[in-house]
Amino acid sequence: MNRFSYTRADDIASALNAHNAPAAAFLAGGTNLVDLIKEGVARPDRLVDIRRLPMKAIEAADNGGMRIGALATNSAVAYDERIQSRYPLLSKALLAGASAQIRNVATVGGNMLQRTRCHYFYDTATPCNKREPGAGCGAMNGVNRIHAILGASEHCIAVHPSDMCVALAALDASVLVTSDSGDRTIAFDEFHRLPGDTPQKDTNLRDDEMILAVDLPAEGFADHHAYVKVRDRASYAFALVAVALGLKLDGDRIDDVRCALGGVAHKPWRNRDAEAALRGKTLTRAAVRDFASAMVSDARGRPCNAFKIELTTRAIVRAFEHASGNKLAASEDDPT
């Protein structure tokens, strides 16, 4: 572990000022950052403790939605009565991730910024373009069962590990950030990045910026939603495939659909063209299977993870079954 200085900030201005240094990092819950420091993956020269900042509130917003402070814990959000009643998809996604002890400490902002759980990223004895640009990708021809089938590049096939972020992507949330230059809002779809030629960059957050809050829109799909997480064991495991789904139904007609996938790409995966094609259609298994196929139309499997393509389509169908209250009529020749 490298040596570093420690500063505790009492207000946002002092936090930004203290962070304005090479290799500085904000410290909140620390559930990911501390692990990265212990493993020698992250080597900050300065830690800026922001836990005292007034960013823990969960409150109504002017747009009819909700604003969640970046320092609100995952448990506080998951068990908030307003979140459970208006945005149950978000609550369920949070409760599907990590242990209760971690949720009690982990923050919303930290959850959004957590790094991949790729084995090669954590093993400093192996090559990793995300950890050391230009070193190569050990997962490309290695053990890549948990890795990406969508949006990958020749430089990186890691996946984003968050459950919460998959739900936020499906809800069309936005992220409020600040810097010395002022505040700005980033659409959640644009917050995380695909690896491209710069896999070391997980987000479009600038180095001088700090997350203040997450804003939820008024529509929370409280009546028809599902979070389906497929994992190797029933608890405390990252998703092989996750599906966050929100539906608006008029009888059997699909008026609106939002679907985000986790465990399959470097960021929560949306296919807005596939969503648009499904709107207005009757809720049938055939229509949903076509939608699921469209969601993975660009998928590329590797020897260890090609199974995730079919697994993803089946998980999407399962999510529609849950979200529709089992209204999805099964056809005799469909094994899903």
C-alpha atoms as a PDB file:
ATOM      1  CA  MET A   1       0.000   0.000   0.000  1.00  0.00           C
ATOM      2  CA  ASN A   2       1.354   3.440  -0.930  1.00  0.00           C
ATOM      3  CA  ARG A   3       1.544   6.312   1.521  1.00  0.00           C
ATOM      4  CA  PHE A   4      -1.132   9.003   1.234  1.00  0.00           C
ATOM      5  CA  SER A   5      -2.334  12.113   3.032  1.00  0.00           C
ATOM      6  CA  TYR A   6      -5.805  12.371   4.546  1.00  0.00           C
ATOM      7  CA  THR A   7      -8.099  15.413   4.630  1.00  0.00           C
ATOM      8  CA  ARG A   8     -11.621  15.649   6.063  1.00  0.00           C
ATOM      9  CA  ALA A   9     -13.773  18.200   4.258  1.00  0.00           C
ATOM     10  CA  ASP A  10     -16.493  20.135   6.094  1.00  0.00           C
ATOM     11  CA  ASP A  11     -18.125  21.730   3.047  1.00  0.00           C
ATOM     12  CA  ILE A  12     -18.339  21.206  -0.700  1.00  0.00           C
ATOM     13  CA  ALA A  13     -15.960  24.052  -1.565  1.00  0.00           C
ATOM     14  CA  SER A  14     -13.201  22.713   0.678  1.00  0.00           C
ATOM     15  CA  ALA A  15     -13.755  19.197  -0.671  1.00  0.00           C
ATOM     16  CA  LEU A  16     -13.303  20.385  -4.251  1.00  0.00           C
ATOM     17  CA  ASN A  17     -10.245  22.414  -3.294  1.00  0.00           C
ATOM     18  CA  ALA A  18      -8.610  19.488  -1.484  1.00  0.00           C
ATOM     19  CA  HIS A  19      -9.372  17.187  -4.396  1.00  0.00           C
ATOM     20  CA  ASN A  20      -7.706  19.560  -6.843  1.00  0.00           C
ATOM     21  CA  ALA A  21      -4.419  17.673  -6.758  1.00  0.00           C
ATOM     22  CA  PRO A  22      -2.846  14.863  -8.777  1.00  0.00           C
ATOM     23  CA  ALA A  23      -3.920  11.376  -7.688  1.00  0.00           C
ATOM     24  CA  ALA A  24      -6.485  12.614  -5.153  1.00  0.00           C
ATOM     25  CA  ALA A  25      -9.602  10.558  -4.421  1.00  0.00           C
ATOM     26  CA  PHE A  26     -12.865  11.216  -2.592  1.00  0.00           C
ATOM     27  CA  LEU A  27     -13.604   8.841   0.292  1.00  0.00           C
ATOM     28  CA  ALA A  28     -17.208   8.135   1.274  1.00  0.00           C
ATOM     29  CA  GLY A  29     -18.282   4.623   2.271  1.00  0.00           C
ATOM     30  CA  GLY A  30     -14.986   3.205   1.002  1.00  0.00           C
ATOM     31  CA  THR A  31     -16.435  -0.243   0.272  1.00  0.00           C
ATOM     32  CA  ASN A  32     -14.736  -0.355  -3.135  1.00  0.00           C
ATOM     33  CA  LEU A  33     -11.943   2.214  -2.872  1.00  0.00           C
ATOM     34  CA  VAL A  34     -10.380   0.716   0.253  1.00  0.00           C
ATOM     35  CA  ASP A  35     -10.281  -2.720  -1.402  1.00  0.00           C
ATOM     36  CA  LEU A  36      -8.598  -1.219  -4.458  1.00  0.00           C
ATOM     37  CA  ILE A  37      -5.991   0.492  -2.281  1.00  0.00           C
ATOM     38  CA  LYS A  38      -5.273  -2.717  -0.365  1.00  0.00           C
ATOM     39  CA  GLU A  39      -4.784  -4.622  -3.619  1.00  0.00           C
ATOM     40  CA  GLY A  40      -2.466  -1.960  -5.042  1.00  0.00           C
ATOM     41  CA  VAL A  41      -4.870  -1.213  -7.899  1.00  0.00           C
ATOM     42  CA  ALA A  42      -5.670   2.322  -6.702  1.00  0.00           C
ATOM     43  CA  ARG A  43      -2.735   4.401  -5.470  1.00  0.00           C
ATOM     44  CA  PRO A  44      -4.058   7.803  -4.394  1.00  0.00           C
ATOM     45  CA  ASP A  45      -1.659  10.365  -2.949  1.00  0.00           C
ATOM     46  CA  ARG A  46      -4.480  12.082  -1.060  1.00  0.00           C
ATOM     47  CA  LEU A  47      -7.821  10.911   0.347  1.00  0.00           C
ATOM     48  CA  VAL A  48     -10.498  13.552   0.793  1.00  0.00           C
ATOM     49  CA  ASP A  49     -13.083  12.358   3.321  1.00  0.00           C
ATOM     50  CA  ILE A  50     -16.485  13.797   2.324  1.00  0.00           C
ATOM     51  CA  ARG A  51     -18.693  11.911   4.777  1.00  0.00           C
ATOM     52  CA  ARG A  52     -19.580  15.088   6.714  1.00  0.00           C
ATOM     53  CA  LEU A  53     -20.967  16.906   3.670  1.00  0.00           C
ATOM     54  CA  PRO A  54     -24.734  17.635   3.576  1.00  0.00           C
ATOM     55  CA  MET A  55     -25.536  15.244   0.725  1.00  0.00           C
ATOM     56  CA  LYS A  56     -27.539  12.471   2.418  1.00  0.00           C
ATOM     57  CA  ALA A  57     -31.088  13.734   1.880  1.00  0.00           C
ATOM     58  CA  ILE A  58     -33.771  11.818  -0.020  1.00  0.00           C
ATOM     59  CA  GLU A  59     -36.386  14.393  -0.945  1.00  0.00           C
ATOM     60  CA  ALA A  60     -39.106  15.395  -3.377  1.00  0.00           C
ATOM     61  CA  ALA A  61     -37.966  17.300  -6.460  1.00  0.00           C
ATOM     62  CA  ASP A  62     -39.647  20.135  -8.334  1.00  0.00           C
ATOM     63  CA  ASN A  63     -40.207  17.964 -11.415  1.00  0.00           C
ATOM     64  CA  GLY A  64     -42.466  15.601  -9.469  1.00  0.00           C
ATOM     65  CA  GLY A  65     -39.678  13.079  -9.028  1.00  0.00           C
ATOM     66  CA  MET A  66     -37.179  12.513  -6.222  1.00  0.00           C
ATOM     67  CA  ARG A  67     -33.646  13.697  -5.518  1.00  0.00           C
ATOM     68  CA  ILE A  68     -31.230  11.319  -3.765  1.00  0.00           C
ATOM     69  CA  GLY A  69     -28.098  12.794  -2.238  1.00  0.00           C
ATOM     70  CA  ALA A  70     -24.799  11.246  -3.274  1.00  0.00           C
ATOM     71  CA  LEU A  71     -23.970  10.333   0.342  1.00  0.00           C
ATOM     72  CA  ALA A  72     -27.275   8.589   1.038  1.00  0.00           C
ATOM     73  CA  THR A  73     -26.471   4.983   1.866  1.00  0.00           C
ATOM     74  CA  ASN A  74     -27.760   2.141  -0.237  1.00  0.00           C
ATOM     75  CA  SER A  75     -29.796   0.893   2.731  1.00  0.00           C
ATOM     76  CA  ALA A  76     -31.358   4.309   3.352  1.00  0.00           C
ATOM     77  CA  VAL A  77     -32.510   4.472  -0.267  1.00  0.00           C
ATOM     78  CA  ALA A  78     -33.672   0.859  -0.484  1.00  0.00           C
ATOM     79  CA  TYR A  79     -35.824   1.121   2.646  1.00  0.00           C
ATOM     80  CA  ASP A  80     -37.143   4.648   2.140  1.00  0.00           C
ATOM     81  CA  GLU A  81     -40.949   4.356   2.007  1.00  0.00           C
ATOM     82  CA  ARG A  82     -41.252   6.833  -0.852  1.00  0.00           C
ATOM     83  CA  ILE A  83     -38.685   4.955  -2.933  1.00  0.00           C
ATOM     84  CA  GLN A  84     -40.358   1.624  -2.183  1.00  0.00           C
ATOM     85  CA  SER A  85     -43.796   2.902  -3.197  1.00  0.00           C
ATOM     86  CA  ARG A  86     -42.843   5.079  -6.185  1.00  0.00           C
ATOM     87  CA  TYR A  87     -39.616   3.444  -7.439  1.00  0.00           C
ATOM     88  CA  PRO A  88     -39.753  -0.180  -6.264  1.00  0.00           C
ATOM     89  CA  LEU A  89     -37.492  -1.173  -9.162  1.00  0.00           C
ATOM     90  CA  LEU A  90     -34.666   0.828  -7.589  1.00  0.00           C
ATOM     91  CA  SER A  91     -35.329  -0.568  -4.118  1.00  0.00           C
ATOM     92  CA  LYS A  92     -35.301  -4.156  -5.399  1.00  0.00           C
ATOM     93  CA  ALA A  93     -32.094  -3.635  -7.363  1.00  0.00           C
ATOM     94  CA  LEU A  94     -30.335  -2.244  -4.294  1.00  0.00           C
ATOM     95  CA  LEU A  95     -31.489  -5.134  -2.115  1.00  0.00           C
ATOM     96  CA  ALA A  96     -30.241  -7.602  -4.746  1.00  0.00           C
ATOM     97  CA  GLY A  97     -26.698  -6.258  -4.435  1.00  0.00           C
ATOM     98  CA  ALA A  98     -24.155  -6.842  -1.673  1.00  0.00           C
ATOM     99  CA  SER A  99     -24.727  -7.738   1.964  1.00  0.00           C
ATOM    100  CA  ALA A 100     -26.714  -5.706   4.467  1.00  0.00           C
ATOM    101  CA  GLN A 101     -23.481  -4.630   6.149  1.00  0.00           C
ATOM    102  CA  ILE A 102     -22.091  -3.228   2.896  1.00  0.00           C
ATOM    103  CA  ARG A 103     -25.402  -1.540   1.987  1.00  0.00           C
ATOM    104  CA  ASN A 104     -25.363   0.197   5.379  1.00  0.00           C
ATOM    105  CA  VAL A 105     -22.078   1.906   4.489  1.00  0.00           C
ATOM    106  CA  ALA A 106     -21.968   2.125   0.687  1.00  0.00           C
ATOM    107  CA  THR A 107     -23.197   5.391  -0.803  1.00  0.00           C
ATOM    108  CA  VAL A 108     -25.148   6.193  -3.941  1.00  0.00           C
ATOM    109  CA  GLY A 109     -22.279   8.215  -5.417  1.00  0.00           C
ATOM    110  CA  GLY A 110     -19.753   5.520  -4.596  1.00  0.00           C
ATOM    111  CA  ASN A 111     -21.983   2.840  -6.073  1.00  0.00           C
ATOM    112  CA  MET A 112     -22.030   4.720  -9.365  1.00  0.00           C
ATOM    113  CA  LEU A 113     -18.230   5.023  -9.375  1.00  0.00           C
ATOM    114  CA  GLN A 114     -17.310   1.472  -8.347  1.00  0.00           C
ATOM    115  CA  ARG A 115     -14.807  -0.262 -10.575  1.00  0.00           C
ATOM    116  CA  THR A 116     -15.184  -3.537 -12.433  1.00  0.00           C
ATOM    117  CA  ARG A 117     -14.803  -6.856 -10.633  1.00  0.00           C
ATOM    118  CA  CYS A 118     -12.711  -8.308 -13.488  1.00  0.00           C
ATOM    119  CA  HIS A 119     -10.189 -10.787 -12.053  1.00  0.00           C
ATOM    120  CA  TYR A 120      -7.407  -9.396 -14.233  1.00  0.00           C
ATOM    121  CA  PHE A 121      -8.097  -5.814 -13.143  1.00  0.00           C
ATOM    122  CA  TYR A 122      -7.621  -6.820  -9.501  1.00  0.00           C
ATOM    123  CA  ASP A 123      -4.547  -8.983 -10.139  1.00  0.00           C
ATOM    124  CA  THR A 124      -1.619  -6.601 -10.573  1.00  0.00           C
ATOM    125  CA  ALA A 125       0.552  -9.451 -11.840  1.00  0.00           C
ATOM    126  CA  THR A 126      -1.558  -9.732 -15.019  1.00  0.00           C
ATOM    127  CA  PRO A 127      -1.963  -7.294 -17.927  1.00  0.00           C
ATOM    128  CA  CYS A 128      -4.965  -4.934 -17.828  1.00  0.00           C
ATOM    129  CA  ASN A 129      -5.590  -1.919 -20.046  1.00  0.00           C
ATOM    130  CA  LYS A 130      -8.021  -0.502 -17.518  1.00  0.00           C
ATOM    131  CA  ARG A 131      -5.439  -0.551 -14.746  1.00  0.00           C
ATOM    132  CA  GLU A 132      -2.426   0.240 -16.968  1.00  0.00           C
ATOM    133  CA  PRO A 133      -3.314   1.578 -20.443  1.00  0.00           C
ATOM    134  CA  GLY A 134      -1.374  -0.195 -23.167  1.00  0.00           C
ATOM    135  CA  ALA A 135      -0.558  -3.269 -21.066  1.00  0.00           C
ATOM    136  CA  GLY A 136      -3.023  -5.529 -22.873  1.00  0.00           C
ATOM    137  CA  CYS A 137      -6.168  -7.347 -21.748  1.00  0.00           C
ATOM    138  CA  GLY A 138      -5.629 -10.606 -19.900  1.00  0.00           C
ATOM    139  CA  ALA A 139      -9.327 -11.455 -20.035  1.00  0.00           C
ATOM    140  CA  MET A 140      -9.493 -11.342 -23.835  1.00  0.00           C
ATOM    141  CA  ASN A 141      -7.990 -14.811 -24.209  1.00  0.00           C
ATOM    142  CA  GLY A 142      -8.214 -15.835 -20.580  1.00  0.00           C
ATOM    143  CA  VAL A 143     -11.001 -16.856 -18.225  1.00  0.00           C
ATOM    144  CA  ASN A 144     -13.799 -14.526 -19.329  1.00  0.00           C
ATOM    145  CA  ARG A 145     -16.988 -16.200 -18.107  1.00  0.00           C
ATOM    146  CA  ILE A 146     -18.194 -13.070 -16.291  1.00  0.00           C
ATOM    147  CA  HIS A 147     -17.185 -10.633 -19.010  1.00  0.00           C
ATOM    148  CA  ALA A 148     -18.954  -8.481 -21.587  1.00  0.00           C
ATOM    149  CA  ILE A 149     -20.969  -9.682 -24.547  1.00  0.00           C
ATOM    150  CA  LEU A 150     -22.053  -6.172 -25.596  1.00  0.00           C
ATOM    151  CA  GLY A 151     -20.205  -2.911 -26.226  1.00  0.00           C
ATOM    152  CA  ALA A 152     -16.730  -4.343 -25.669  1.00  0.00           C
ATOM    153  CA  SER A 153     -13.606  -3.299 -27.559  1.00  0.00           C
ATOM    154  CA  GLU A 154     -10.291  -4.886 -28.464  1.00  0.00           C
ATOM    155  CA  HIS A 155      -8.861  -3.175 -25.367  1.00  0.00           C
ATOM    156  CA  CYS A 156     -11.326  -4.266 -22.671  1.00  0.00           C
ATOM    157  CA  ILE A 157     -14.174  -6.722 -22.089  1.00  0.00           C
ATOM    158  CA  ALA A 158     -14.884  -5.860 -18.443  1.00  0.00           C
ATOM    159  CA  VAL A 159     -18.417  -5.258 -17.155  1.00  0.00           C
ATOM    160  CA  HIS A 160     -19.839  -2.670 -14.773  1.00  0.00           C
ATOM    161  CA  PRO A 161     -20.781  -4.421 -11.500  1.00  0.00           C
ATOM    162  CA  SER A 162     -23.557  -2.238 -10.060  1.00  0.00           C
ATOM    163  CA  ASP A 163     -27.156  -3.396  -9.586  1.00  0.00           C
ATOM    164  CA  MET A 164     -28.343   0.060  -8.581  1.00  0.00           C
ATOM    165  CA  CYS A 165     -27.045   1.604 -11.799  1.00  0.00           C
ATOM    166  CA  VAL A 166     -28.999  -0.842 -13.948  1.00  0.00           C
ATOM    167  CA  ALA A 167     -32.224   0.310 -12.306  1.00  0.00           C
ATOM    168  CA  LEU A 168     -31.255   3.987 -12.592  1.00  0.00           C
ATOM    169  CA  ALA A 169     -30.569   3.499 -16.293  1.00  0.00           C
ATOM    170  CA  ALA A 170     -34.002   1.939 -16.813  1.00  0.00           C
ATOM    171  CA  LEU A 171     -35.632   4.792 -14.892  1.00  0.00           C
ATOM    172  CA  ASP A 172     -33.923   7.448 -17.049  1.00  0.00           C
ATOM    173  CA  ALA A 173     -32.377   9.099 -14.012  1.00  0.00           C
ATOM    174  CA  SER A 174     -29.907  11.974 -14.238  1.00  0.00           C
ATOM    175  CA  VAL A 175     -26.812  12.898 -12.232  1.00  0.00           C
ATOM    176  CA  LEU A 176     -26.169  16.316 -10.696  1.00  0.00           C
ATOM    177  CA  VAL A 177     -22.452  17.096 -10.401  1.00  0.00           C
ATOM    178  CA  THR A 178     -20.481  20.148  -9.340  1.00  0.00           C
ATOM    179  CA  SER A 179     -17.051  21.725  -9.709  1.00  0.00           C
ATOM    180  CA  ASP A 180     -15.465  25.135  -9.249  1.00  0.00           C
ATOM    181  CA  SER A 181     -17.063  26.005 -12.601  1.00  0.00           C
ATOM    182  CA  GLY A 182     -20.570  25.329 -11.287  1.00  0.00           C
ATOM    183  CA  ASP A 183     -23.169  22.582 -11.462  1.00  0.00           C
ATOM    184  CA  ARG A 184     -24.181  20.477 -14.458  1.00  0.00           C
ATOM    185  CA  THR A 185     -26.563  17.606 -15.092  1.00  0.00           C
ATOM    186  CA  ILE A 186     -25.570  14.406 -16.900  1.00  0.00           C
ATOM    187  CA  ALA A 187     -28.195  12.037 -18.319  1.00  0.00           C
ATOM    188  CA  PHE A 188     -27.657   8.640 -16.739  1.00  0.00           C
ATOM    189  CA  ASP A 189     -27.281   7.043 -20.176  1.00  0.00           C
ATOM    190  CA  GLU A 190     -24.284   9.298 -20.755  1.00  0.00           C
ATOM    191  CA  PHE A 191     -22.668   9.028 -17.321  1.00  0.00           C
ATOM    192  CA  HIS A 192     -20.878   5.700 -17.826  1.00  0.00           C
ATOM    193  CA  ARG A 193     -18.715   4.972 -20.862  1.00  0.00           C
ATOM    194  CA  LEU A 194     -18.058   2.031 -23.134  1.00  0.00           C
ATOM    195  CA  PRO A 195     -14.355   1.055 -23.151  1.00  0.00           C
ATOM    196  CA  GLY A 196     -13.409   2.036 -26.704  1.00  0.00           C
ATOM    197  CA  ASP A 197      -9.745   3.074 -26.830  1.00  0.00           C
ATOM    198  CA  THR A 198      -9.787   4.446 -23.261  1.00  0.00           C
ATOM    199  CA  PRO A 199     -10.963   1.612 -20.989  1.00  0.00           C
ATOM    200  CA  GLN A 200      -9.323   3.300 -17.985  1.00  0.00           C
ATOM    201  CA  LYS A 201     -12.132   5.901 -18.091  1.00  0.00           C
ATOM    202  CA  ASP A 202     -15.311   4.472 -16.582  1.00  0.00           C
ATOM    203  CA  THR A 203     -17.406   7.643 -16.646  1.00  0.00           C
ATOM    204  CA  ASN A 204     -17.753  11.058 -18.267  1.00  0.00           C
ATOM    205  CA  LEU A 205     -17.241  12.737 -14.898  1.00  0.00           C
ATOM    206  CA  ARG A 206     -14.415  15.259 -15.159  1.00  0.00           C
ATOM    207  CA  ASP A 207     -11.459  15.052 -12.776  1.00  0.00           C
ATOM    208  CA  ASP A 208     -12.499  18.301 -11.082  1.00  0.00           C
ATOM    209  CA  GLU A 209     -16.126  17.241 -10.525  1.00  0.00           C
ATOM    210  CA  MET A 210     -17.973  15.647  -7.621  1.00  0.00           C
ATOM    211  CA  ILE A 211     -21.379  13.946  -7.649  1.00  0.00           C
ATOM    212  CA  LEU A 212     -23.991  15.839  -5.633  1.00  0.00           C
ATOM    213  CA  ALA A 213     -27.174  13.857  -6.251  1.00  0.00           C
ATOM    214  CA  VAL A 214     -29.183  11.557  -8.480  1.00  0.00           C
ATOM    215  CA  ASP A 215     -32.497  12.860  -9.825  1.00  0.00           C
ATOM    216  CA  LEU A 216     -35.363  10.467 -10.523  1.00  0.00           C
ATOM    217  CA  PRO A 217     -38.134  11.416 -12.976  1.00  0.00           C
ATOM    218  CA  ALA A 218     -41.790  11.424 -11.958  1.00  0.00           C
ATOM    219  CA  GLU A 219     -42.492   8.087 -13.678  1.00  0.00           C
ATOM    220  CA  GLY A 220     -41.296   5.200 -11.550  1.00  0.00           C
ATOM    221  CA  PHE A 221     -43.174   2.247 -13.144  1.00  0.00           C
ATOM    222  CA  ALA A 222     -44.523   1.283  -9.733  1.00  0.00           C
ATOM    223  CA  ASP A 223     -47.341  -0.865 -11.156  1.00  0.00           C
ATOM    224  CA  HIS A 224     -45.356  -2.966 -13.633  1.00  0.00           C
ATOM    225  CA  HIS A 225     -41.670  -3.520 -13.009  1.00  0.00           C
ATOM    226  CA  ALA A 226     -39.137  -6.269 -12.421  1.00  0.00           C
ATOM    227  CA  TYR A 227     -35.519  -6.708 -11.440  1.00  0.00           C
ATOM    228  CA  VAL A 228     -34.195 -10.109 -12.455  1.00  0.00           C
ATOM    229  CA  LYS A 229     -30.655 -11.006 -11.406  1.00  0.00           C
ATOM    230  CA  VAL A 230     -29.022 -14.235 -12.532  1.00  0.00           C
ATOM    231  CA  ARG A 231     -25.913 -15.124 -10.532  1.00  0.00           C
ATOM    232  CA  ASP A 232     -23.791 -18.087  -9.571  1.00  0.00           C
ATOM    233  CA  ARG A 233     -25.146 -18.235  -6.036  1.00  0.00           C
ATOM    234  CA  ALA A 234     -28.298 -16.924  -4.414  1.00  0.00           C
ATOM    235  CA  SER A 235     -26.701 -14.193  -2.313  1.00  0.00           C
ATOM    236  CA  TYR A 236     -23.840 -11.685  -2.344  1.00  0.00           C
ATOM    237  CA  ALA A 237     -22.720 -12.412  -5.896  1.00  0.00           C
ATOM    238  CA  PHE A 238     -22.354 -10.084  -8.867  1.00  0.00           C
ATOM    239  CA  ALA A 239     -24.726 -10.590 -11.777  1.00  0.00           C
ATOM    240  CA  LEU A 240     -23.937 -12.781 -14.725  1.00  0.00           C
ATOM    241  CA  VAL A 241     -26.977 -11.086 -16.260  1.00  0.00           C
ATOM    242  CA  ALA A 242     -29.377  -8.580 -14.726  1.00  0.00           C
ATOM    243  CA  VAL A 243     -32.537  -7.051 -16.205  1.00  0.00           C
ATOM    244  CA  ALA A 244     -34.248  -3.900 -14.937  1.00  0.00           C
ATOM    245  CA  LEU A 245     -37.630  -3.488 -16.596  1.00  0.00           C
ATOM    246  CA  GLY A 246     -40.356  -0.885 -16.353  1.00  0.00           C
ATOM    247  CA  LEU A 247     -43.658  -1.218 -18.225  1.00  0.00           C
ATOM    248  CA  LYS A 248     -46.783   0.857 -18.762  1.00  0.00           C
ATOM    249  CA  LEU A 249     -49.649  -1.334 -19.868  1.00  0.00           C
ATOM    250  CA  ASP A 250     -53.124  -0.533 -21.165  1.00  0.00           C
ATOM    251  CA  GLY A 251     -54.727  -3.940 -20.876  1.00  0.00           C
ATOM    252  CA  ASP A 252     -52.494  -6.096 -23.068  1.00  0.00           C
ATOM    253  CA  ARG A 253     -51.053  -3.155 -24.985  1.00  0.00           C
ATOM    254  CA  ILE A 254     -47.537  -1.951 -24.198  1.00  0.00           C
ATOM    255  CA  ASP A 255     -47.710   1.836 -23.913  1.00  0.00           C
ATOM    256  CA  ASP A 256     -44.143   2.271 -22.681  1.00  0.00           C
ATOM    257  CA  VAL A 257     -41.123   0.102 -21.920  1.00  0.00           C
ATOM    258  CA  ARG A 258     -37.732   0.780 -20.379  1.00  0.00           C
ATOM    259  CA  CYS A 259     -35.208  -2.023 -20.177  1.00  0.00           C
ATOM    260  CA  ALA A 260     -31.610  -1.948 -18.982  1.00  0.00           C
ATOM    261  CA  LEU A 261     -29.199  -4.867 -18.764  1.00  0.00           C
ATOM    262  CA  GLY A 262     -26.439  -5.425 -16.225  1.00  0.00           C
ATOM    263  CA  GLY A 263     -23.510  -7.839 -16.176  1.00  0.00           C
ATOM    264  CA  VAL A 264     -23.188  -7.771 -19.965  1.00  0.00           C
ATOM    265  CA  ALA A 265     -21.354  -4.528 -20.808  1.00  0.00           C
ATOM    266  CA  HIS A 266     -18.978  -1.851 -19.541  1.00  0.00           C
ATOM    267  CA  LYS A 267     -22.057   0.208 -18.594  1.00  0.00           C
ATOM    268  CA  PRO A 268     -25.764  -0.502 -18.033  1.00  0.00           C
ATOM    269  CA  TRP A 269     -27.015  -1.464 -21.490  1.00  0.00           C
ATOM    270  CA  ARG A 270     -30.039   0.148 -23.169  1.00  0.00           C
ATOM    271  CA  ASN A 271     -31.342  -0.357 -26.708  1.00  0.00           C
ATOM    272  CA  ARG A 272     -33.754   2.492 -27.313  1.00  0.00           C
ATOM    273  CA  ASP A 273     -34.539   1.348 -30.871  1.00  0.00           C
ATOM    274  CA  ALA A 274     -35.722  -2.004 -29.531  1.00  0.00           C
ATOM    275  CA  GLU A 275     -37.822  -0.244 -26.890  1.00  0.00           C
ATOM    276  CA  ALA A 276     -39.406   2.038 -29.495  1.00  0.00           C
ATOM    277  CA  ALA A 277     -40.265  -0.941 -31.715  1.00  0.00           C
ATOM    278  CA  LEU A 278     -42.083  -2.658 -28.844  1.00  0.00           C
ATOM    279  CA  ARG A 279     -44.251   0.309 -27.839  1.00  0.00           C
ATOM    280  CA  GLY A 280     -47.814   0.000 -29.041  1.00  0.00           C
ATOM    281  CA  LYS A 281     -47.616  -3.759 -29.521  1.00  0.00           C
ATOM    282  CA  THR A 282     -49.722  -6.367 -27.797  1.00  0.00           C
ATOM    283  CA  LEU A 283     -48.008  -8.117 -24.898  1.00  0.00           C
ATOM    284  CA  THR A 284     -47.330 -11.587 -26.300  1.00  0.00           C
ATOM    285  CA  ARG A 285     -44.485 -14.000 -25.809  1.00  0.00           C
ATOM    286  CA  ALA A 286     -43.559 -13.710 -29.483  1.00  0.00           C
ATOM    287  CA  ALA A 287     -43.306  -9.910 -29.253  1.00  0.00           C
ATOM    288  CA  VAL A 288     -41.205 -10.141 -26.110  1.00  0.00           C
ATOM    289  CA  ARG A 289     -38.907 -12.777 -27.602  1.00  0.00           C
ATOM    290  CA  ASP A 290     -38.369 -10.513 -30.626  1.00  0.00           C
ATOM    291  CA  PHE A 291     -37.580  -7.651 -28.264  1.00  0.00           C
ATOM    292  CA  ALA A 292     -35.148  -9.792 -26.292  1.00  0.00           C
ATOM    293  CA  SER A 293     -33.403 -10.861 -29.490  1.00  0.00           C
ATOM    294  CA  ALA A 294     -33.107  -7.216 -30.556  1.00  0.00           C
ATOM    295  CA  MET A 295     -31.572  -6.325 -27.181  1.00  0.00           C
ATOM    296  CA  VAL A 296     -28.685  -8.744 -27.821  1.00  0.00           C
ATOM    297  CA  SER A 297     -28.516  -8.381 -31.591  1.00  0.00           C
ATOM    298  CA  ASP A 298     -24.966  -7.003 -31.407  1.00  0.00           C
ATOM    299  CA  ALA A 299     -23.772  -9.445 -28.769  1.00  0.00           C
ATOM    300  CA  ARG A 300     -20.479 -11.262 -29.213  1.00  0.00           C
ATOM    301  CA  GLY A 301     -19.720 -14.242 -27.043  1.00  0.00           C
ATOM    302  CA  ARG A 302     -16.332 -15.716 -26.255  1.00  0.00           C
ATOM    303  CA  PRO A 303     -15.484 -19.343 -25.471  1.00  0.00           C
ATOM    304  CA  CYS A 304     -16.194 -18.912 -21.752  1.00  0.00           C
ATOM    305  CA  ASN A 305     -19.223 -16.602 -21.895  1.00  0.00           C
ATOM    306  CA  ALA A 306     -21.184 -17.258 -25.099  1.00  0.00           C
ATOM    307  CA  PHE A 307     -23.892 -18.822 -22.907  1.00  0.00           C
ATOM    308  CA  LYS A 308     -24.720 -15.330 -21.638  1.00  0.00           C
ATOM    309  CA  ILE A 309     -26.407 -14.398 -24.928  1.00  0.00           C
ATOM    310  CA  GLU A 310     -29.218 -16.926 -24.563  1.00  0.00           C
ATOM    311  CA  LEU A 311     -29.220 -16.421 -20.800  1.00  0.00           C
ATOM    312  CA  THR A 312     -29.879 -12.721 -21.376  1.00  0.00           C
ATOM    313  CA  THR A 313     -32.812 -13.327 -23.708  1.00  0.00           C
ATOM    314  CA  ARG A 314     -34.392 -15.725 -21.229  1.00  0.00           C
ATOM    315  CA  ALA A 315     -33.840 -13.297 -18.338  1.00  0.00           C
ATOM    316  CA  ILE A 316     -35.588 -10.548 -20.331  1.00  0.00           C
ATOM    317  CA  VAL A 317     -38.591 -12.784 -20.950  1.00  0.00           C
ATOM    318  CA  ARG A 318     -38.663 -13.695 -17.254  1.00  0.00           C
ATOM    319  CA  ALA A 319     -38.629  -9.993 -16.374  1.00  0.00           C
ATOM    320  CA  PHE A 320     -41.652  -9.401 -18.609  1.00  0.00           C
ATOM    321  CA  GLU A 321     -43.442 -12.274 -16.898  1.00  0.00           C
ATOM    322  CA  HIS A 322     -42.832 -10.718 -13.484  1.00  0.00           C
ATOM    323  CA  ALA A 323     -43.587  -7.139 -14.549  1.00  0.00           C
ATOM    324  CA  SER A 324     -46.861  -8.060 -16.249  1.00  0.00           C
ATOM    325  CA  GLY A 325     -48.121 -10.168 -13.365  1.00  0.00           C
ATOM    326  CA  ASN A 326     -47.768 -13.324 -15.508  1.00  0.00           C
ATOM    327  CA  LYS A 327     -50.050 -11.904 -18.208  1.00  0.00           C
ATOM    328  CA  LEU A 328     -47.533 -13.047 -20.792  1.00  0.00           C
ATOM    329  CA  ALA A 329     -49.269 -15.921 -22.540  1.00  0.00           C
ATOM    330  CA  ALA A 330     -46.913 -18.858 -23.126  1.00  0.00           C
ATOM    331  CA  SER A 331     -46.946 -20.587 -26.474  1.00  0.00           C
ATOM    332  CA  GLU A 332     -46.649 -24.366 -26.549  1.00  0.00           C
ATOM    333  CA  ASP A 333     -43.487 -24.382 -28.641  1.00  0.00           C
ATOM    334  CA  ASP A 334     -41.525 -21.828 -26.615  1.00  0.00           C
ATOM    335  CA  PRO A 335     -39.335 -23.378 -23.908  1.00  0.00           C
ATOM    336  CA  THR A 336     -38.719 -20.092 -22.032  1.00  0.00           C
END
